[in-house]
PDB file of N, CA and C in Angstrom:
ATOM      1  N   MET A   1      76.510  77.166 148.802  1.00  0.00           N
ATOM      2  CA  MET A   1      76.286  78.549 149.197  1.00  0.00           C
ATOM      3  C   MET A   1      75.877  78.589 150.668  1.00  0.00           C
ATOM      4  N   ASP A   2      76.403  79.539 151.385  1.00  0.00           N
ATOM      5  CA  ASP A   2      76.108  79.678 152.800  1.00  0.00           C
ATOM      6  C   ASP A   2      74.871  80.555 152.988  1.00  0.00           C
ATOM      7  N   TYR A   3      73.724  79.908 153.268  1.00  0.00           N
ATOM      8  CA  TYR A   3      72.476  80.644 153.411  1.00  0.00           C
ATOM      9  C   TYR A   3      72.343  81.297 154.776  1.00  0.00           C
ATOM     10  N   LYS A   4      73.268  80.987 155.677  1.00  0.00           N
ATOM     11  CA  LYS A   4      73.223  81.578 157.010  1.00  0.00           C
ATOM     12  C   LYS A   4      73.859  82.961 157.041  1.00  0.00           C
ATOM     13  N   LYS A   5      74.481  83.348 155.934  1.00  0.00           N
ATOM     14  CA  LYS A   5      75.088  84.679 155.862  1.00  0.00           C
ATOM     15  C   LYS A   5      74.011  85.750 156.007  1.00  0.00           C
ATOM     16  N   LYS A   6      74.392  86.854 156.597  1.00  0.00           N
ATOM     17  CA  LYS A   6      73.459  87.970 156.702  1.00  0.00           C
ATOM     18  C   LYS A   6      73.177  88.529 155.314  1.00  0.00           C
ATOM     19  N   LEU A   7      71.960  88.981 155.128  1.00  0.00           N
ATOM     20  CA  LEU A   7      71.617  89.617 153.866  1.00  0.00           C
ATOM     21  C   LEU A   7      72.261  90.990 153.805  1.00  0.00           C
ATOM     22  N   MET A   8      72.726  91.351 152.631  1.00  0.00           N
ATOM     23  CA  MET A   8      73.357  92.646 152.434  1.00  0.00           C
ATOM     24  C   MET A   8      72.283  93.739 152.410  1.00  0.00           C
ATOM     25  N   GLN A   9      72.572  94.842 153.025  1.00  0.00           N
ATOM     26  CA  GLN A   9      71.652  95.969 153.009  1.00  0.00           C
ATOM     27  C   GLN A   9      71.560  96.529 151.594  1.00  0.00           C
ATOM     28  N   PRO A  10      70.379  97.003 151.193  1.00  0.00           N
ATOM     29  CA  PRO A  10      70.274  97.585 149.851  1.00  0.00           C
ATOM     30  C   PRO A  10      71.163  98.816 149.734  1.00  0.00           C
ATOM     31  N   PHE A  11      71.698  99.015 148.565  1.00  0.00           N
ATOM     32  CA  PHE A  11      72.591 100.144 148.316  1.00  0.00           C
ATOM     33  C   PHE A  11      71.831 101.150 147.466  1.00  0.00           C
ATOM     34  N   TYR A  12      71.518 102.282 148.043  1.00  0.00           N
ATOM     35  CA  TYR A  12      70.793 103.323 147.322  1.00  0.00           C
ATOM     36  C   TYR A  12      71.806 104.306 146.757  1.00  0.00           C
ATOM     37  N   ASP A  13      71.834 104.392 145.458  1.00  0.00           N
ATOM     38  CA  ASP A  13      72.805 105.308 144.868  1.00  0.00           C
ATOM     39  C   ASP A  13      72.095 106.377 144.046  1.00  0.00           C
ATOM     40  N   PHE A  14      72.234 107.587 144.501  1.00  0.00           N
ATOM     41  CA  PHE A  14      71.679 108.737 143.816  1.00  0.00           C
ATOM     42  C   PHE A  14      72.829 109.695 143.529  1.00  0.00           C
ATOM     43  N   PRO A  15      72.818 110.312 142.367  1.00  0.00           N
ATOM     44  CA  PRO A  15      73.939 111.192 142.030  1.00  0.00           C
ATOM     45  C   PRO A  15      73.923 112.486 142.833  1.00  0.00           C
ATOM     46  N   GLU A  16      75.110 113.004 143.046  1.00  0.00           N
ATOM     47  CA  GLU A  16      75.286 114.332 143.640  1.00  0.00           C
ATOM     48  C   GLU A  16      75.812 115.234 142.540  1.00  0.00           C
ATOM     49  N   TYR A  17      75.266 116.438 142.439  1.00  0.00           N
ATOM     50  CA  TYR A  17      75.760 117.361 141.425  1.00  0.00           C
ATOM     51  C   TYR A  17      77.001 118.069 141.956  1.00  0.00           C
ATOM     52  N   ASN A  18      78.054 118.082 141.151  1.00  0.00           N
ATOM     53  CA  ASN A  18      79.305 118.726 141.531  1.00  0.00           C
ATOM     54  C   ASN A  18      79.464 119.996 140.697  1.00  0.00           C
ATOM     55  N   ASP A  19      79.482 121.149 141.362  1.00  0.00           N
ATOM     56  CA  ASP A  19      79.587 122.432 140.662  1.00  0.00           C
ATOM     57  C   ASP A  19      80.930 122.632 139.976  1.00  0.00           C
ATOM     58  N   LEU A  20      81.997 122.058 140.529  1.00  0.00           N
ATOM     59  CA  LEU A  20      83.324 122.246 139.933  1.00  0.00           C
ATOM     60  C   LEU A  20      83.443 121.613 138.557  1.00  0.00           C
ATOM     61  N   ILE A  21      82.953 120.399 138.431  1.00  0.00           N
ATOM     62  CA  ILE A  21      83.084 119.721 137.133  1.00  0.00           C
ATOM     63  C   ILE A  21      81.788 119.755 136.331  1.00  0.00           C
ATOM     64  N   LYS A  22      80.750 120.353 136.900  1.00  0.00           N
ATOM     65  CA  LYS A  22      79.450 120.486 136.234  1.00  0.00           C
ATOM     66  C   LYS A  22      78.919 119.134 135.769  1.00  0.00           C
ATOM     67  N   ASP A  23      78.939 118.170 136.674  1.00  0.00           N
ATOM     68  CA  ASP A  23      78.484 116.821 136.346  1.00  0.00           C
ATOM     69  C   ASP A  23      77.925 116.160 137.604  1.00  0.00           C
ATOM     70  N   ASN A  24      77.095 115.151 137.392  1.00  0.00           N
ATOM     71  CA  ASN A  24      76.601 114.354 138.509  1.00  0.00           C
ATOM     72  C   ASN A  24      77.652 113.331 138.893  1.00  0.00           C
ATOM     73  N   LEU A  25      77.860 113.164 140.183  1.00  0.00           N
ATOM     74  CA  LEU A  25      78.800 112.167 140.678  1.00  0.00           C
ATOM     75  C   LEU A  25      78.016 111.084 141.407  1.00  0.00           C
ATOM     76  N   TRP A  26      78.290 109.845 141.051  1.00  0.00           N
ATOM     77  CA  TRP A  26      77.579 108.703 141.608  1.00  0.00           C
ATOM     78  C   TRP A  26      78.405 108.061 142.715  1.00  0.00           C
ATOM     79  N   PRO A  27      77.739 107.604 143.782  1.00  0.00           N
ATOM     80  CA  PRO A  27      78.468 106.999 144.898  1.00  0.00           C
ATOM     81  C   PRO A  27      79.031 105.620 144.549  1.00  0.00           C
ATOM     82  N   VAL A  28      80.204 105.345 145.078  1.00  0.00           N
ATOM     83  CA  VAL A  28      80.863 104.043 144.959  1.00  0.00           C
ATOM     84  C   VAL A  28      81.210 103.610 146.375  1.00  0.00           C
ATOM     85  N   GLU A  29      80.929 102.357 146.676  1.00  0.00           N
ATOM     86  CA  GLU A  29      81.219 101.820 148.002  1.00  0.00           C
ATOM     87  C   GLU A  29      82.091 100.583 147.835  1.00  0.00           C
ATOM     88  N   VAL A  30      83.266 100.582 148.476  1.00  0.00           N
ATOM     89  CA  VAL A  30      84.206  99.463 148.412  1.00  0.00           C
ATOM     90  C   VAL A  30      84.400  98.942 149.827  1.00  0.00           C
ATOM     91  N   LYS A  31      84.282  97.629 149.988  1.00  0.00           N
ATOM     92  CA  LYS A  31      84.441  97.023 151.318  1.00  0.00           C
ATOM     93  C   LYS A  31      85.411  95.860 151.224  1.00  0.00           C
ATOM     94  N   TYR A  32      86.467  95.961 152.025  1.00  0.00           N
ATOM     95  CA  TYR A  32      87.417  94.861 152.183  1.00  0.00           C
ATOM     96  C   TYR A  32      87.087  94.146 153.482  1.00  0.00           C
ATOM     97  N   TYR A  33      87.365  92.842 153.542  1.00  0.00           N
ATOM     98  CA  TYR A  33      87.154  92.090 154.778  1.00  0.00           C
ATOM     99  C   TYR A  33      87.958  92.730 155.907  1.00  0.00           C
ATOM    100  N   ASP A  34      87.356  92.816 157.078  1.00  0.00           N
ATOM    101  CA  ASP A  34      87.999  93.333 158.296  1.00  0.00           C
ATOM    102  C   ASP A  34      88.472  94.781 158.176  1.00  0.00           C
ATOM    103  N   GLN A  35      87.852  95.556 157.297  1.00  0.00           N
ATOM    104  CA  GLN A  35      88.174  96.980 157.170  1.00  0.00           C
ATOM    105  C   GLN A  35      86.880  97.767 157.037  1.00  0.00           C
ATOM    106  N   SER A  36      86.959  99.061 157.276  1.00  0.00           N
ATOM    107  CA  SER A  36      85.769  99.893 157.141  1.00  0.00           C
ATOM    108  C   SER A  36      85.477 100.153 155.659  1.00  0.00           C
ATOM    109  N   ILE A  37      84.278 100.603 155.399  1.00  0.00           N
ATOM    110  CA  ILE A  37      83.826 100.865 154.033  1.00  0.00           C
ATOM    111  C   ILE A  37      84.512 102.113 153.485  1.00  0.00           C
ATOM    112  N   ILE A  38      84.918 102.042 152.236  1.00  0.00           N
ATOM    113  CA  ILE A  38      85.517 103.179 151.534  1.00  0.00           C
ATOM    114  C   ILE A  38      84.446 103.729 150.594  1.00  0.00           C
ATOM    115  N   GLU A  39      84.152 105.016 150.708  1.00  0.00           N
ATOM    116  CA  GLU A  39      83.141 105.641 149.855  1.00  0.00           C
ATOM    117  C   GLU A  39      83.757 106.799 149.085  1.00  0.00           C
ATOM    118  N   PHE A  40      83.405 106.879 147.807  1.00  0.00           N
ATOM    119  CA  PHE A  40      83.811 108.011 146.983  1.00  0.00           C
ATOM    120  C   PHE A  40      82.797 108.161 145.852  1.00  0.00           C
ATOM    121  N   HIS A  41      82.896 109.230 145.091  1.00  0.00           N
ATOM    122  CA  HIS A  41      81.942 109.514 144.020  1.00  0.00           C
ATOM    123  C   HIS A  41      82.673 109.670 142.694  1.00  0.00           C
ATOM    124  N   LEU A  42      82.009 109.219 141.617  1.00  0.00           N
ATOM    125  CA  LEU A  42      82.595 109.276 140.276  1.00  0.00           C
ATOM    126  C   LEU A  42      81.553 109.672 139.242  1.00  0.00           C
ATOM    127  N   PRO A  43      82.005 110.232 138.116  1.00  0.00           N
ATOM    128  CA  PRO A  43      81.084 110.493 137.011  1.00  0.00           C
ATOM    129  C   PRO A  43      80.574 109.175 136.416  1.00  0.00           C
ATOM    130  N   LYS A  44      79.428 109.241 135.781  1.00  0.00           N
ATOM    131  CA  LYS A  44      78.790 108.057 135.190  1.00  0.00           C
ATOM    132  C   LYS A  44      79.711 107.339 134.205  1.00  0.00           C
ATOM    133  N   SER A  45      80.463 108.076 133.411  1.00  0.00           N
ATOM    134  CA  SER A  45      81.346 107.449 132.416  1.00  0.00           C
ATOM    135  C   SER A  45      82.405 106.574 133.089  1.00  0.00           C
ATOM    136  N   ASP A  46      82.944 107.013 134.226  1.00  0.00           N
ATOM    137  CA  ASP A  46      83.927 106.211 134.965  1.00  0.00           C
ATOM    138  C   ASP A  46      83.287 104.960 135.566  1.00  0.00           C
ATOM    139  N   ILE A  47      82.039 105.082 135.990  1.00  0.00           N
ATOM    140  CA  ILE A  47      81.317 103.936 136.553  1.00  0.00           C
ATOM    141  C   ILE A  47      81.111 102.875 135.471  1.00  0.00           C
ATOM    142  N   ILE A  48      80.695 103.291 134.293  1.00  0.00           N
ATOM    143  CA  ILE A  48      80.466 102.347 133.193  1.00  0.00           C
ATOM    144  C   ILE A  48      81.765 101.652 132.821  1.00  0.00           C
ATOM    145  N   GLU A  49      82.837 102.402 132.732  1.00  0.00           N
ATOM    146  CA  GLU A  49      84.153 101.829 132.428  1.00  0.00           C
ATOM    147  C   GLU A  49      84.570 100.821 133.504  1.00  0.00           C
ATOM    148  N   ALA A  50      84.306 101.136 134.759  1.00  0.00           N
ATOM    149  CA  ALA A  50      84.647 100.230 135.865  1.00  0.00           C
ATOM    150  C   ALA A  50      83.837  98.938 135.789  1.00  0.00           C
ATOM    151  N   MET A  51      82.552  99.035 135.429  1.00  0.00           N
ATOM    152  CA  MET A  51      81.720  97.837 135.312  1.00  0.00           C
ATOM    153  C   MET A  51      82.284  96.883 134.268  1.00  0.00           C
ATOM    154  N   TYR A  52      82.663  97.427 133.123  1.00  0.00           N
ATOM    155  CA  TYR A  52      83.258  96.585 132.079  1.00  0.00           C
ATOM    156  C   TYR A  52      84.551  95.947 132.574  1.00  0.00           C
ATOM    157  N   SER A  53      85.358  96.713 133.275  1.00  0.00           N
ATOM    158  CA  SER A  53      86.629  96.213 133.791  1.00  0.00           C
ATOM    159  C   SER A  53      86.415  95.076 134.791  1.00  0.00           C
ATOM    160  N   ILE A  54      85.477  95.251 135.709  1.00  0.00           N
ATOM    161  CA  ILE A  54      85.193  94.224 136.715  1.00  0.00           C
ATOM    162  C   ILE A  54      84.642  92.966 136.055  1.00  0.00           C
ATOM    163  N   GLU A  55      83.679  93.142 135.156  1.00  0.00           N
ATOM    164  CA  GLU A  55      83.080  91.982 134.499  1.00  0.00           C
ATOM    165  C   GLU A  55      84.107  91.212 133.682  1.00  0.00           C
ATOM    166  N   GLN A  56      85.031  91.921 133.043  1.00  0.00           N
ATOM    167  CA  GLN A  56      86.088  91.253 132.281  1.00  0.00           C
ATOM    168  C   GLN A  56      87.002  90.466 133.212  1.00  0.00           C
ATOM    169  N   ARG A  57      87.359  91.048 134.354  1.00  0.00           N
ATOM    170  CA  ARG A  57      88.225  90.355 135.318  1.00  0.00           C
ATOM    171  C   ARG A  57      87.536  89.105 135.873  1.00  0.00           C
ATOM    172  N   LEU A  58      86.235  89.217 136.156  1.00  0.00           N
ATOM    173  CA  LEU A  58      85.491  88.070 136.675  1.00  0.00           C
ATOM    174  C   LEU A  58      85.388  86.965 135.626  1.00  0.00           C
ATOM    175  N   GLU A  59      85.172  87.360 134.383  1.00  0.00           N
ATOM    176  CA  GLU A  59      85.090  86.399 133.283  1.00  0.00           C
ATOM    177  C   GLU A  59      86.415  85.665 133.093  1.00  0.00           C
ATOM    178  N   ASP A  60      87.514  86.403 133.171  1.00  0.00           N
ATOM    179  CA  ASP A  60      88.848  85.825 132.979  1.00  0.00           C
ATOM    180  C   ASP A  60      89.390  85.166 134.248  1.00  0.00           C
ATOM    181  N   GLU A  61      88.640  85.295 135.350  1.00  0.00           N
ATOM    182  CA  GLU A  61      89.079  84.799 136.660  1.00  0.00           C
ATOM    183  C   GLU A  61      90.447  85.359 137.033  1.00  0.00           C
ATOM    184  N   SER A  62      90.628  86.635 136.731  1.00  0.00           N
ATOM    185  CA  SER A  62      91.889  87.321 136.992  1.00  0.00           C
ATOM    186  C   SER A  62      91.889  87.925 138.394  1.00  0.00           C
ATOM    187  N   ASN A  63      93.029  87.911 139.041  1.00  0.00           N
ATOM    188  CA  ASN A  63      93.181  88.535 140.358  1.00  0.00           C
ATOM    189  C   ASN A  63      93.880  89.885 140.269  1.00  0.00           C
ATOM    190  N   GLU A  64      94.039  90.387 139.063  1.00  0.00           N
ATOM    191  CA  GLU A  64      94.681  91.682 138.860  1.00  0.00           C
ATOM    192  C   GLU A  64      93.776  92.800 139.382  1.00  0.00           C
ATOM    193  N   PRO A  65      94.357  93.877 139.893  1.00  0.00           N
ATOM    194  CA  PRO A  65      93.540  95.025 140.314  1.00  0.00           C
ATOM    195  C   PRO A  65      92.786  95.612 139.117  1.00  0.00           C
ATOM    196  N   PHE A  66      91.638  96.181 139.379  1.00  0.00           N
ATOM    197  CA  PHE A  66      90.886  96.828 138.307  1.00  0.00           C
ATOM    198  C   PHE A  66      90.763  98.315 138.609  1.00  0.00           C
ATOM    199  N   LYS A  67      90.564  99.081 137.558  1.00  0.00           N
ATOM    200  CA  LYS A  67      90.530 100.536 137.675  1.00  0.00           C
ATOM    201  C   LYS A  67      89.094 101.012 137.867  1.00  0.00           C
ATOM    202  N   VAL A  68      88.921 101.890 138.851  1.00  0.00           N
ATOM    203  CA  VAL A  68      87.641 102.539 139.104  1.00  0.00           C
ATOM    204  C   VAL A  68      87.942 104.026 139.199  1.00  0.00           C
ATOM    205  N   GLY A  69      87.646 104.747 138.140  1.00  0.00           N
ATOM    206  CA  GLY A  69      88.019 106.160 138.081  1.00  0.00           C
ATOM    207  C   GLY A  69      89.524 106.272 138.013  1.00  0.00           C
ATOM    208  N   ASP A  70      90.128 107.007 138.940  1.00  0.00           N
ATOM    209  CA  ASP A  70      91.590 107.134 138.964  1.00  0.00           C
ATOM    210  C   ASP A  70      92.211 106.243 140.044  1.00  0.00           C
ATOM    211  N   ARG A  71      91.427 105.319 140.588  1.00  0.00           N
ATOM    212  CA  ARG A  71      91.904 104.404 141.634  1.00  0.00           C
ATOM    213  C   ARG A  71      92.023 102.988 141.083  1.00  0.00           C
ATOM    214  N   PHE A  72      92.938 102.234 141.649  1.00  0.00           N
ATOM    215  CA  PHE A  72      93.041 100.813 141.342  1.00  0.00           C
ATOM    216  C   PHE A  72      92.580 100.045 142.573  1.00  0.00           C
ATOM    217  N   ILE A  73      91.659  99.123 142.369  1.00  0.00           N
ATOM    218  CA  ILE A  73      91.085  98.341 143.456  1.00  0.00           C
ATOM    219  C   ILE A  73      91.678  96.934 143.412  1.00  0.00           C
ATOM    220  N   ALA A  74      92.377  96.570 144.468  1.00  0.00           N
ATOM    221  CA  ALA A  74      92.958  95.226 144.559  1.00  0.00           C
ATOM    222  C   ALA A  74      91.855  94.233 144.912  1.00  0.00           C
ATOM    223  N   THR A  75      91.905  93.053 144.316  1.00  0.00           N
ATOM    224  CA  THR A  75      90.877  92.046 144.588  1.00  0.00           C
ATOM    225  C   THR A  75      91.186  91.207 145.822  1.00  0.00           C
ATOM    226  N   GLU A  76      92.419  91.270 146.306  1.00  0.00           N
ATOM    227  CA  GLU A  76      92.791  90.493 147.486  1.00  0.00           C
ATOM    228  C   GLU A  76      92.028  91.012 148.707  1.00  0.00           C
ATOM    229  N   ASN A  77      91.299  90.129 149.373  1.00  0.00           N
ATOM    230  CA  ASN A  77      90.481  90.444 150.554  1.00  0.00           C
ATOM    231  C   ASN A  77      89.344  91.419 150.267  1.00  0.00           C
ATOM    232  N   LEU A  78      88.968  91.571 149.005  1.00  0.00           N
ATOM    233  CA  LEU A  78      87.849  92.442 148.643  1.00  0.00           C
ATOM    234  C   LEU A  78      86.548  91.702 148.923  1.00  0.00           C
ATOM    235  N   ASN A  79      85.679  92.315 149.697  1.00  0.00           N
ATOM    236  CA  ASN A  79      84.384  91.722 150.022  1.00  0.00           C
ATOM    237  C   ASN A  79      83.377  92.070 148.929  1.00  0.00           C
ATOM    238  N   TYR A  80      83.180  93.382 148.686  1.00  0.00           N
ATOM    239  CA  TYR A  80      82.259  93.788 147.623  1.00  0.00           C
ATOM    240  C   TYR A  80      82.574  95.199 147.157  1.00  0.00           C
ATOM    241  N   ILE A  81      82.033  95.524 145.982  1.00  0.00           N
ATOM    242  CA  ILE A  81      82.050  96.892 145.465  1.00  0.00           C
ATOM    243  C   ILE A  81      80.647  97.154 144.926  1.00  0.00           C
ATOM    244  N   SER A  82      80.068  98.299 145.287  1.00  0.00           N
ATOM    245  CA  SER A  82      78.700  98.633 144.889  1.00  0.00           C
ATOM    246  C   SER A  82      78.656  99.975 144.191  1.00  0.00           C
ATOM    247  N   PHE A  83      77.937 100.016 143.088  1.00  0.00           N
ATOM    248  CA  PHE A  83      77.638 101.262 142.391  1.00  0.00           C
ATOM    249  C   PHE A  83      76.600 101.005 141.330  1.00  0.00           C
ATOM    250  N   GLU A  84      75.927 102.059 140.934  1.00  0.00           N
ATOM    251  CA  GLU A  84      74.945 102.004 139.852  1.00  0.00           C
ATOM    252  C   GLU A  84      73.907 100.893 140.097  1.00  0.00           C
ATOM    253  N   GLY A  85      73.524 100.717 141.368  1.00  0.00           N
ATOM    254  CA  GLY A  85      72.517  99.716 141.687  1.00  0.00           C
ATOM    255  C   GLY A  85      73.008  98.283 141.587  1.00  0.00           C
ATOM    256  N   ARG A  86      74.299  98.085 141.424  1.00  0.00           N
ATOM    257  CA  ARG A  86      74.876  96.743 141.321  1.00  0.00           C
ATOM    258  C   ARG A  86      75.868  96.523 142.446  1.00  0.00           C
ATOM    259  N   THR A  87      75.919  95.297 142.896  1.00  0.00           N
ATOM    260  CA  THR A  87      76.907  94.910 143.897  1.00  0.00           C
ATOM    261  C   THR A  87      77.662  93.710 143.369  1.00  0.00           C
ATOM    262  N   TYR A  88      78.960  93.859 143.268  1.00  0.00           N
ATOM    263  CA  TYR A  88      79.825  92.753 142.864  1.00  0.00           C
ATOM    264  C   TYR A  88      80.462  92.205 144.134  1.00  0.00           C
ATOM    265  N   THR A  89      80.246  90.919 144.408  1.00  0.00           N
ATOM    266  CA  THR A  89      80.819  90.306 145.602  1.00  0.00           C
ATOM    267  C   THR A  89      82.000  89.425 145.214  1.00  0.00           C
ATOM    268  N   PHE A  90      82.948  89.334 146.115  1.00  0.00           N
ATOM    269  CA  PHE A  90      84.165  88.563 145.881  1.00  0.00           C
ATOM    270  C   PHE A  90      84.377  87.636 147.066  1.00  0.00           C
ATOM    271  N   SER A  91      84.919  86.461 146.796  1.00  0.00           N
ATOM    272  CA  SER A  91      85.183  85.525 147.893  1.00  0.00           C
ATOM    273  C   SER A  91      86.540  85.831 148.509  1.00  0.00           C
ATOM    274  N   LYS A  92      86.640  85.567 149.792  1.00  0.00           N
ATOM    275  CA  LYS A  92      87.887  85.835 150.511  1.00  0.00           C
ATOM    276  C   LYS A  92      88.953  84.838 150.075  1.00  0.00           C
ATOM    277  N   GLU A  93      90.145  85.361 149.793  1.00  0.00           N
ATOM    278  CA  GLU A  93      91.245  84.500 149.340  1.00  0.00           C
ATOM    279  C   GLU A  93      92.133  84.124 150.485  1.00  0.00           C
TER     280      GLU A  93
END
């Protein structure tokens, strides 16, 4: 493990209430190597589904894209994805 790496900043995720769908939307942060951070918000149910999907892919050591809400996140060059107080990190391929 490379201990000289910079420590990741804490990710504070608080829901935003959305009047259109009458639900709280939680922040999601996706970061690919050499690209800017992608931020969007999802309902809690989509976040839970995404966590299961990511954990299953990590367990199976699969490089297939995983679904987060209505988006598919490719694992190639994915640095990290953060939501619900969790950060999943990926190694550069």
